[in-house]
Amino acid sequence: MPTQTGHTTAIRASRTIGTSVYNTQGEKIGKVEDVVLNKTDNSIMFAVVGFGGFLGIGEKYHPVPWSSLDFSKDRDGYVVPFTKEQLQAAPADDIQELTRNNGQATRDSTYKYYKVKPYWM
């Protein structure tokens, strides 16, 4: 599925992991730590964006709807339409917990929190 601005419809996960994530004000808010896939319907459930902490200590992992990440060549990273405050208040957990029970509860609460149209409906 292309991004909101029509970027590529296919990208390797290895190219996304480690990519910086910025808000629309241009502030770096973190980086993509992982991408969670639903292998039963071949969809991307959400991206895991990590921010905060130092050298991995105290870092929070936030699930973000994949369709919300829009790649910016100028920033060489993804831009999300959320403020740093929205992300800080968003659902967060360690990466293992985000995928507990097939990750569906995380996916559902994430899309609801960010008010992003669910891809599965």
N, C-alpha and C. Protein backbone atom coordinates (compact mmCIF):
# COMPACT_ATOMS: atom_id res chain seq x y z
N MET A 1 0.84 -1.17 0.00
CA MET A 1 0.00 0.00 0.00
C MET A 1 0.89 1.23 0.00
N PRO A 2 0.69 2.17 -0.90
CA PRO A 2 1.53 3.36 -0.92
C PRO A 2 1.25 4.26 0.28
N THR A 3 2.23 5.08 0.60
CA THR A 3 2.05 6.02 1.70
C THR A 3 1.10 7.12 1.29
N GLN A 4 0.77 7.99 2.24
CA GLN A 4 -0.18 9.07 1.98
C GLN A 4 0.27 9.96 0.83
N THR A 5 1.57 10.12 0.65
CA THR A 5 2.06 10.98 -0.43
C THR A 5 2.48 10.17 -1.66
N GLY A 6 2.14 8.88 -1.68
CA GLY A 6 2.35 8.08 -2.87
C GLY A 6 3.74 7.49 -3.05
N HIS A 7 4.49 7.36 -1.97
CA HIS A 7 5.81 6.73 -2.09
C HIS A 7 5.67 5.25 -2.42
N THR A 8 6.77 4.59 -2.57
CA THR A 8 6.85 3.20 -3.02
C THR A 8 5.82 2.28 -2.35
N THR A 9 5.40 1.29 -3.08
CA THR A 9 4.47 0.32 -2.53
C THR A 9 5.18 -0.89 -1.95
N ALA A 10 6.49 -0.97 -2.11
CA ALA A 10 7.25 -2.09 -1.56
C ALA A 10 8.56 -1.57 -0.98
N ILE A 11 8.90 -2.07 0.20
CA ILE A 11 10.16 -1.71 0.84
C ILE A 11 10.60 -2.87 1.71
N ARG A 12 11.89 -3.12 1.73
CA ARG A 12 12.42 -4.19 2.58
C ARG A 12 12.42 -3.74 4.04
N ALA A 13 12.05 -4.63 4.93
CA ALA A 13 12.04 -4.31 6.35
C ALA A 13 13.43 -3.90 6.81
N SER A 14 14.46 -4.51 6.26
CA SER A 14 15.83 -4.18 6.68
C SER A 14 16.19 -2.73 6.38
N ARG A 15 15.51 -2.12 5.41
CA ARG A 15 15.77 -0.71 5.10
C ARG A 15 15.04 0.22 6.07
N THR A 16 13.99 -0.25 6.70
CA THR A 16 13.23 0.60 7.62
C THR A 16 13.80 0.59 9.03
N ILE A 17 14.29 -0.56 9.47
CA ILE A 17 14.80 -0.68 10.83
C ILE A 17 16.04 0.20 10.98
N GLY A 18 16.00 1.04 12.01
CA GLY A 18 17.10 1.97 12.26
C GLY A 18 16.88 3.34 11.64
N THR A 19 15.84 3.49 10.83
CA THR A 19 15.57 4.77 10.18
C THR A 19 15.00 5.75 11.20
N SER A 20 15.49 6.97 11.18
CA SER A 20 15.02 8.01 12.09
C SER A 20 13.56 8.36 11.82
N VAL A 21 12.87 8.78 12.88
CA VAL A 21 11.48 9.21 12.78
C VAL A 21 11.40 10.63 13.34
N TYR A 22 10.72 11.51 12.58
CA TYR A 22 10.57 12.91 12.94
C TYR A 22 9.10 13.28 13.04
N ASN A 23 8.80 14.31 13.84
CA ASN A 23 7.44 14.84 13.81
C ASN A 23 7.37 15.92 12.75
N THR A 24 6.20 16.48 12.54
CA THR A 24 6.05 17.47 11.47
C THR A 24 6.77 18.78 11.77
N GLN A 25 7.19 18.99 13.02
CA GLN A 25 7.96 20.18 13.36
C GLN A 25 9.45 19.98 13.07
N GLY A 26 9.81 18.78 12.59
CA GLY A 26 11.20 18.50 12.24
C GLY A 26 12.03 17.98 13.38
N GLU A 27 11.43 17.72 14.54
CA GLU A 27 12.16 17.19 15.68
C GLU A 27 12.33 15.68 15.53
N LYS A 28 13.53 15.19 15.75
CA LYS A 28 13.74 13.75 15.74
C LYS A 28 13.14 13.19 17.01
N ILE A 29 12.25 12.23 16.86
CA ILE A 29 11.58 11.66 18.02
C ILE A 29 12.02 10.24 18.32
N GLY A 30 12.76 9.63 17.42
CA GLY A 30 13.23 8.28 17.66
C GLY A 30 13.62 7.60 16.36
N LYS A 31 13.58 6.27 16.40
CA LYS A 31 13.90 5.51 15.19
C LYS A 31 13.05 4.24 15.16
N VAL A 32 12.92 3.68 13.97
CA VAL A 32 12.17 2.44 13.81
C VAL A 32 13.02 1.30 14.38
N GLU A 33 12.48 0.63 15.36
CA GLU A 33 13.18 -0.49 15.99
C GLU A 33 12.77 -1.82 15.37
N ASP A 34 11.53 -1.89 14.90
CA ASP A 34 11.04 -3.15 14.35
C ASP A 34 9.76 -2.89 13.56
N VAL A 35 9.35 -3.87 12.81
CA VAL A 35 8.10 -3.84 12.06
C VAL A 35 7.38 -5.13 12.41
N VAL A 36 6.12 -5.04 12.85
CA VAL A 36 5.35 -6.21 13.25
C VAL A 36 4.40 -6.58 12.13
N LEU A 37 4.51 -7.82 11.70
CA LEU A 37 3.74 -8.34 10.57
C LEU A 37 2.64 -9.27 11.04
N ASN A 38 1.54 -9.28 10.32
CA ASN A 38 0.49 -10.26 10.54
C ASN A 38 0.63 -11.28 9.43
N LYS A 39 1.18 -12.43 9.75
CA LYS A 39 1.46 -13.39 8.68
C LYS A 39 0.23 -14.13 8.18
N THR A 40 -0.90 -14.01 8.88
CA THR A 40 -2.10 -14.70 8.38
C THR A 40 -2.81 -13.92 7.29
N ASP A 41 -2.65 -12.59 7.27
CA ASP A 41 -3.29 -11.83 6.18
C ASP A 41 -2.30 -10.96 5.40
N ASN A 42 -1.01 -11.21 5.61
CA ASN A 42 0.05 -10.54 4.85
C ASN A 42 0.03 -9.02 4.99
N SER A 43 -0.27 -8.51 6.18
CA SER A 43 -0.30 -7.07 6.40
C SER A 43 0.76 -6.65 7.42
N ILE A 44 1.04 -5.36 7.43
CA ILE A 44 1.94 -4.80 8.45
C ILE A 44 1.04 -4.27 9.56
N MET A 45 1.17 -4.83 10.75
CA MET A 45 0.32 -4.41 11.86
C MET A 45 0.71 -3.03 12.37
N PHE A 46 2.01 -2.83 12.61
CA PHE A 46 2.49 -1.54 13.08
C PHE A 46 4.01 -1.52 13.07
N ALA A 47 4.54 -0.31 13.11
CA ALA A 47 5.98 -0.12 13.28
C ALA A 47 6.22 0.10 14.76
N VAL A 48 7.38 -0.29 15.25
CA VAL A 48 7.76 -0.04 16.63
C VAL A 48 8.80 1.07 16.61
N VAL A 49 8.45 2.22 17.20
CA VAL A 49 9.35 3.36 17.25
C VAL A 49 9.88 3.48 18.67
N GLY A 50 11.19 3.48 18.79
CA GLY A 50 11.82 3.62 20.09
C GLY A 50 12.34 5.03 20.27
N PHE A 51 12.09 5.60 21.44
CA PHE A 51 12.68 6.88 21.76
C PHE A 51 12.84 7.04 23.25
N GLY A 52 13.68 7.97 23.62
CA GLY A 52 13.98 8.20 25.02
C GLY A 52 15.11 7.30 25.46
N GLY A 53 15.53 7.47 26.66
CA GLY A 53 16.59 6.65 27.22
C GLY A 53 17.96 7.02 26.69
N PHE A 54 18.94 6.29 27.15
CA PHE A 54 20.32 6.52 26.75
C PHE A 54 21.00 5.17 26.60
N LEU A 55 21.57 4.93 25.44
CA LEU A 55 22.23 3.66 25.13
C LEU A 55 21.30 2.46 25.38
N GLY A 56 20.01 2.66 25.04
CA GLY A 56 19.05 1.57 25.18
C GLY A 56 18.46 1.41 26.56
N ILE A 57 18.94 2.17 27.55
CA ILE A 57 18.42 2.08 28.90
C ILE A 57 17.31 3.11 29.07
N GLY A 58 16.15 2.67 29.49
CA GLY A 58 15.02 3.57 29.69
C GLY A 58 14.28 3.92 28.41
N GLU A 59 14.64 3.27 27.30
CA GLU A 59 13.98 3.56 26.04
C GLU A 59 12.57 3.00 26.06
N LYS A 60 11.63 3.76 25.48
CA LYS A 60 10.25 3.30 25.36
C LYS A 60 10.01 2.88 23.93
N TYR A 61 9.16 1.87 23.76
CA TYR A 61 8.83 1.35 22.44
C TYR A 61 7.35 1.62 22.17
N HIS A 62 7.09 2.40 21.15
CA HIS A 62 5.74 2.82 20.81
C HIS A 62 5.31 2.21 19.49
N PRO A 63 4.19 1.49 19.48
CA PRO A 63 3.64 1.02 18.21
C PRO A 63 3.00 2.20 17.49
N VAL A 64 3.27 2.31 16.21
CA VAL A 64 2.73 3.39 15.39
C VAL A 64 2.15 2.77 14.12
N PRO A 65 0.93 3.17 13.75
CA PRO A 65 0.36 2.61 12.51
C PRO A 65 1.31 2.80 11.33
N TRP A 66 1.56 1.74 10.63
CA TRP A 66 2.51 1.78 9.51
C TRP A 66 2.15 2.86 8.50
N SER A 67 0.87 3.01 8.21
CA SER A 67 0.44 3.99 7.21
C SER A 67 0.71 5.43 7.63
N SER A 68 1.03 5.65 8.91
CA SER A 68 1.31 7.00 9.40
C SER A 68 2.74 7.44 9.13
N LEU A 69 3.62 6.50 8.82
CA LEU A 69 5.01 6.84 8.54
C LEU A 69 5.16 7.22 7.08
N ASP A 70 5.64 8.41 6.83
CA ASP A 70 5.80 8.91 5.47
C ASP A 70 7.28 9.27 5.27
N PHE A 71 7.94 8.65 4.32
CA PHE A 71 9.37 8.87 4.14
C PHE A 71 9.65 10.23 3.53
N SER A 72 10.61 10.93 4.11
CA SER A 72 11.05 12.24 3.62
C SER A 72 12.49 12.13 3.15
N LYS A 73 12.71 12.35 1.86
CA LYS A 73 14.09 12.33 1.34
C LYS A 73 14.92 13.43 1.98
N ASP A 74 14.30 14.59 2.23
CA ASP A 74 15.02 15.71 2.82
C ASP A 74 15.59 15.38 4.20
N ARG A 75 14.85 14.61 4.97
CA ARG A 75 15.29 14.25 6.32
C ARG A 75 15.95 12.88 6.36
N ASP A 76 15.86 12.15 5.25
CA ASP A 76 16.36 10.78 5.20
C ASP A 76 15.77 9.97 6.35
N GLY A 77 14.48 10.15 6.55
CA GLY A 77 13.78 9.45 7.61
C GLY A 77 12.29 9.57 7.44
N TYR A 78 11.56 8.97 8.36
CA TYR A 78 10.11 9.00 8.33
C TYR A 78 9.59 10.21 9.10
N VAL A 79 8.48 10.75 8.63
CA VAL A 79 7.78 11.82 9.32
C VAL A 79 6.41 11.29 9.71
N VAL A 80 6.04 11.52 10.96
CA VAL A 80 4.71 11.12 11.43
C VAL A 80 3.92 12.38 11.78
N PRO A 81 2.61 12.35 11.60
CA PRO A 81 1.80 13.54 11.86
C PRO A 81 1.41 13.68 13.33
N PHE A 82 2.30 13.32 14.22
CA PHE A 82 2.02 13.35 15.65
C PHE A 82 3.06 14.21 16.36
N THR A 83 2.67 14.83 17.44
CA THR A 83 3.61 15.61 18.23
C THR A 83 4.39 14.68 19.16
N LYS A 84 5.47 15.20 19.67
CA LYS A 84 6.26 14.43 20.63
C LYS A 84 5.41 14.10 21.86
N GLU A 85 4.57 15.05 22.26
CA GLU A 85 3.70 14.84 23.42
C GLU A 85 2.68 13.73 23.16
N GLN A 86 2.13 13.69 21.95
CA GLN A 86 1.20 12.60 21.61
C GLN A 86 1.90 11.26 21.69
N LEU A 87 3.11 11.20 21.18
CA LEU A 87 3.86 9.95 21.22
C LEU A 87 4.22 9.56 22.65
N GLN A 88 4.60 10.53 23.46
CA GLN A 88 4.96 10.22 24.84
C GLN A 88 3.77 9.69 25.63
N ALA A 89 2.56 10.16 25.30
CA ALA A 89 1.35 9.71 25.99
C ALA A 89 0.74 8.45 25.37
N ALA A 90 1.29 8.02 24.26
CA ALA A 90 0.75 6.87 23.52
C ALA A 90 1.04 5.56 24.23
N PRO A 91 0.30 4.52 23.84
CA PRO A 91 0.59 3.19 24.40
C PRO A 91 2.05 2.82 24.12
N ALA A 92 2.71 2.29 25.13
CA ALA A 92 4.12 1.89 25.01
C ALA A 92 4.37 0.69 25.90
N ASP A 93 5.33 -0.12 25.51
CA ASP A 93 5.68 -1.30 26.30
C ASP A 93 7.00 -1.82 25.77
N ASP A 94 7.48 -2.92 26.35
CA ASP A 94 8.67 -3.52 25.75
C ASP A 94 8.24 -4.28 24.50
N ILE A 95 9.20 -4.55 23.66
CA ILE A 95 8.88 -5.14 22.35
C ILE A 95 8.17 -6.49 22.50
N GLN A 96 8.57 -7.28 23.48
CA GLN A 96 7.92 -8.60 23.68
C GLN A 96 6.44 -8.44 24.01
N GLU A 97 6.11 -7.47 24.87
CA GLU A 97 4.72 -7.26 25.25
C GLU A 97 3.86 -6.74 24.10
N LEU A 98 4.46 -5.98 23.20
CA LEU A 98 3.69 -5.43 22.08
C LEU A 98 3.11 -6.52 21.18
N THR A 99 3.75 -7.68 21.15
CA THR A 99 3.27 -8.76 20.29
C THR A 99 2.56 -9.87 21.07
N ARG A 100 2.33 -9.66 22.35
CA ARG A 100 1.61 -10.65 23.16
C ARG A 100 0.23 -10.89 22.56
N ASN A 101 -0.24 -12.12 22.62
CA ASN A 101 -1.56 -12.51 22.09
C ASN A 101 -1.73 -12.06 20.64
N ASN A 102 -0.73 -12.35 19.85
CA ASN A 102 -0.72 -12.06 18.42
C ASN A 102 -0.69 -10.57 18.07
N GLY A 103 -0.48 -9.70 19.06
CA GLY A 103 -0.34 -8.28 18.80
C GLY A 103 -1.62 -7.55 18.45
N GLN A 104 -2.73 -8.26 18.44
CA GLN A 104 -3.98 -7.63 18.01
C GLN A 104 -4.46 -6.55 18.97
N ALA A 105 -4.30 -6.76 20.28
CA ALA A 105 -4.73 -5.74 21.25
C ALA A 105 -3.88 -4.48 21.08
N THR A 106 -2.58 -4.67 20.85
CA THR A 106 -1.69 -3.52 20.62
C THR A 106 -2.09 -2.81 19.34
N ARG A 107 -2.30 -3.55 18.29
CA ARG A 107 -2.70 -2.96 17.01
C ARG A 107 -3.97 -2.15 17.17
N ASP A 108 -4.98 -2.76 17.79
CA ASP A 108 -6.28 -2.10 17.93
C ASP A 108 -6.18 -0.82 18.76
N SER A 109 -5.48 -0.89 19.89
CA SER A 109 -5.37 0.30 20.74
C SER A 109 -4.53 1.39 20.08
N THR A 110 -3.56 0.99 19.29
CA THR A 110 -2.70 1.95 18.60
C THR A 110 -3.48 2.73 17.55
N TYR A 111 -4.21 2.04 16.71
CA TYR A 111 -4.98 2.71 15.67
C TYR A 111 -6.07 3.59 16.29
N LYS A 112 -6.66 3.13 17.39
CA LYS A 112 -7.68 3.92 18.07
C LYS A 112 -7.06 5.17 18.68
N TYR A 113 -5.93 5.04 19.35
CA TYR A 113 -5.28 6.18 19.99
C TYR A 113 -4.92 7.26 18.97
N TYR A 114 -4.33 6.87 17.86
CA TYR A 114 -3.90 7.84 16.85
C TYR A 114 -5.02 8.25 15.89
N LYS A 115 -6.19 7.62 16.04
CA LYS A 115 -7.34 7.91 15.19
C LYS A 115 -7.02 7.69 13.71
N VAL A 116 -6.37 6.56 13.45
CA VAL A 116 -6.02 6.17 12.08
C VAL A 116 -7.01 5.09 11.64
N LYS A 117 -7.49 5.22 10.43
CA LYS A 117 -8.46 4.25 9.90
C LYS A 117 -7.83 2.86 9.88
N PRO A 118 -8.47 1.90 10.52
CA PRO A 118 -7.95 0.53 10.53
C PRO A 118 -7.93 -0.08 9.13
N TYR A 119 -6.83 -0.71 8.78
CA TYR A 119 -6.70 -1.33 7.46
C TYR A 119 -7.48 -2.64 7.38
N TRP A 120 -7.81 -3.24 8.52
CA TRP A 120 -8.43 -4.55 8.52
C TRP A 120 -9.96 -4.49 8.49
N MET A 121 -10.53 -3.34 8.47
CA MET A 121 -12.00 -3.24 8.44
C MET A 121 -12.48 -2.88 7.05
